[in-house]
Amino acid sequence: MNNPKAPAFRIRNWRVTLIGALVGLLIALAMAMKWLAEFQVEAAEERRSLEAIARAAQMRCFELASHRATEACRAAAAAKQGAAP
């Protein structure tokens, strides 16, 4: 009736369960961090491309002959950039 192995088995089983849960959590966190890093890289690339387009539009404005035309072009480009999401 007195079985000394039973409590040790329960403790070991509890520890294995806890370690398994921690390993699973570690894997989930690693996957979330990988997704977040990829998302940040994609967002930065998109932002850089939008900034390049805006710089190109500004440079086209500066190629105009008169100051008035340049300022009108810059205002239109700024309005268009502000309206775009």
C-alpha atoms as a PDB file:
ATOM      1  CA  MET A   1       0.000   0.000   0.000  1.00  0.00           C
ATOM      2  CA  ASN A   2       2.837   2.303   0.720  1.00  0.00           C
ATOM      3  CA  ASN A   3       4.249   3.092  -2.754  1.00  0.00           C
ATOM      4  CA  PRO A   4       7.218   5.517  -2.553  1.00  0.00           C
ATOM      5  CA  LYS A   5       7.498   5.894  -6.338  1.00  0.00           C
ATOM      6  CA  ALA A   6       4.077   7.476  -6.870  1.00  0.00           C
ATOM      7  CA  PRO A   7       4.814  10.976  -5.439  1.00  0.00           C
ATOM      8  CA  ALA A   8       8.104  11.220  -7.337  1.00  0.00           C
ATOM      9  CA  PHE A   9       6.304  10.330 -10.568  1.00  0.00           C
ATOM     10  CA  ARG A  10       3.701  13.038  -9.972  1.00  0.00           C
ATOM     11  CA  ILE A  11       6.366  15.655  -9.290  1.00  0.00           C
ATOM     12  CA  ARG A  12       8.363  14.646 -12.350  1.00  0.00           C
ATOM     13  CA  ASN A  13       5.209  14.701 -14.482  1.00  0.00           C
ATOM     14  CA  TRP A  14       4.391  18.220 -13.206  1.00  0.00           C
ATOM     15  CA  ARG A  15       7.912  19.437 -14.033  1.00  0.00           C
ATOM     16  CA  VAL A  16       7.816  17.935 -17.525  1.00  0.00           C
ATOM     17  CA  THR A  17       4.455  19.592 -18.154  1.00  0.00           C
ATOM     18  CA  LEU A  18       5.784  22.952 -16.978  1.00  0.00           C
ATOM     19  CA  ILE A  19       8.919  22.669 -19.116  1.00  0.00           C
ATOM     20  CA  GLY A  20       6.819  21.662 -22.132  1.00  0.00           C
ATOM     21  CA  ALA A  21       4.557  24.661 -21.638  1.00  0.00           C
ATOM     22  CA  LEU A  22       7.572  26.981 -21.352  1.00  0.00           C
ATOM     23  CA  VAL A  23       9.135  25.556 -24.505  1.00  0.00           C
ATOM     24  CA  GLY A  24       5.827  26.007 -26.339  1.00  0.00           C
ATOM     25  CA  LEU A  25       5.629  29.598 -25.119  1.00  0.00           C
ATOM     26  CA  LEU A  26       9.210  30.215 -26.233  1.00  0.00           C
ATOM     27  CA  ILE A  27       8.409  28.906 -29.712  1.00  0.00           C
ATOM     28  CA  ALA A  28       5.279  31.082 -29.907  1.00  0.00           C
ATOM     29  CA  LEU A  29       7.257  34.166 -28.837  1.00  0.00           C
ATOM     30  CA  ALA A  30       9.980  33.447 -31.401  1.00  0.00           C
ATOM     31  CA  MET A  31       7.382  33.156 -34.167  1.00  0.00           C
ATOM     32  CA  ALA A  32       5.712  36.397 -33.051  1.00  0.00           C
ATOM     33  CA  MET A  33       9.055  38.212 -33.032  1.00  0.00           C
ATOM     34  CA  LYS A  34       9.867  36.896 -36.513  1.00  0.00           C
ATOM     35  CA  TRP A  35       6.509  38.125 -37.818  1.00  0.00           C
ATOM     36  CA  LEU A  36       6.977  41.511 -36.155  1.00  0.00           C
ATOM     37  CA  ALA A  37      10.462  41.936 -37.626  1.00  0.00           C
ATOM     38  CA  GLU A  38       9.209  41.059 -41.116  1.00  0.00           C
ATOM     39  CA  PHE A  39       6.295  43.468 -40.710  1.00  0.00           C
ATOM     40  CA  GLN A  40       8.631  46.298 -39.666  1.00  0.00           C
ATOM     41  CA  VAL A  41      10.936  45.657 -42.625  1.00  0.00           C
ATOM     42  CA  GLU A  42       8.014  45.709 -45.068  1.00  0.00           C
ATOM     43  CA  ALA A  43       6.640  48.905 -43.533  1.00  0.00           C
ATOM     44  CA  ALA A  44      10.053  50.578 -43.739  1.00  0.00           C
ATOM     45  CA  GLU A  45      10.443  49.579 -47.394  1.00  0.00           C
ATOM     46  CA  GLU A  46       7.004  50.964 -48.207  1.00  0.00           C
ATOM     47  CA  ARG A  47       7.759  54.192 -46.349  1.00  0.00           C
ATOM     48  CA  ARG A  48      11.060  54.583 -48.202  1.00  0.00           C
ATOM     49  CA  SER A  49       9.381  54.065 -51.562  1.00  0.00           C
ATOM     50  CA  LEU A  50       6.687  56.636 -50.728  1.00  0.00           C
ATOM     51  CA  GLU A  51       9.348  59.102 -49.600  1.00  0.00           C
ATOM     52  CA  ALA A  52      11.268  58.531 -52.841  1.00  0.00           C
ATOM     53  CA  ILE A  53       8.132  59.229 -54.870  1.00  0.00           C
ATOM     54  CA  ALA A  54       7.522  62.421 -52.875  1.00  0.00           C
ATOM     55  CA  ARG A  55      11.144  63.549 -53.377  1.00  0.00           C
ATOM     56  CA  ALA A  56      10.873  62.904 -57.111  1.00  0.00           C
ATOM     57  CA  ALA A  57       7.692  64.995 -57.254  1.00  0.00           C
ATOM     58  CA  GLN A  58       9.424  67.825 -55.374  1.00  0.00           C
ATOM     59  CA  MET A  59      12.375  67.703 -57.770  1.00  0.00           C
ATOM     60  CA  ARG A  60      10.044  67.964 -60.767  1.00  0.00           C
ATOM     61  CA  CYS A  61       8.552  71.064 -59.173  1.00  0.00           C
ATOM     62  CA  PHE A  62      11.970  72.678 -58.820  1.00  0.00           C
ATOM     63  CA  GLU A  63      12.642  72.135 -62.522  1.00  0.00           C
ATOM     64  CA  LEU A  64       9.904  74.642 -63.403  1.00  0.00           C
ATOM     65  CA  ALA A  65      10.941  78.058 -64.702  1.00  0.00           C
ATOM     66  CA  SER A  66       9.158  80.512 -62.413  1.00  0.00           C
ATOM     67  CA  HIS A  67       9.029  80.747 -58.649  1.00  0.00           C
ATOM     68  CA  ARG A  68       5.225  80.998 -58.707  1.00  0.00           C
ATOM     69  CA  ALA A  69       4.912  77.798 -60.758  1.00  0.00           C
ATOM     70  CA  THR A  70       7.346  76.033 -58.432  1.00  0.00           C
ATOM     71  CA  GLU A  71       5.398  77.009 -55.314  1.00  0.00           C
ATOM     72  CA  ALA A  72       2.072  76.053 -56.922  1.00  0.00           C
ATOM     73  CA  CYS A  73       3.501  72.665 -57.898  1.00  0.00           C
ATOM     74  CA  ARG A  74       4.890  72.091 -54.396  1.00  0.00           C
ATOM     75  CA  ALA A  75       1.533  73.020 -52.830  1.00  0.00           C
ATOM     76  CA  ALA A  76      -0.303  70.630 -55.145  1.00  0.00           C
ATOM     77  CA  ALA A  77       2.178  67.848 -54.393  1.00  0.00           C
ATOM     78  CA  ALA A  78       1.858  68.431 -50.645  1.00  0.00           C
ATOM     79  CA  ALA A  79      -1.930  68.373 -50.893  1.00  0.00           C
ATOM     80  CA  LYS A  80      -1.849  65.192 -52.933  1.00  0.00           C
ATOM     81  CA  GLN A  81       0.573  63.571 -50.481  1.00  0.00           C
ATOM     82  CA  GLY A  82      -1.562  64.634 -47.508  1.00  0.00           C
ATOM     83  CA  ALA A  83      -4.712  63.227 -49.104  1.00  0.00           C
ATOM     84  CA  ALA A  84      -3.109  59.848 -49.849  1.00  0.00           C
ATOM     85  CA  PRO A  85      -3.168  57.344 -46.928  1.00  0.00           C
END
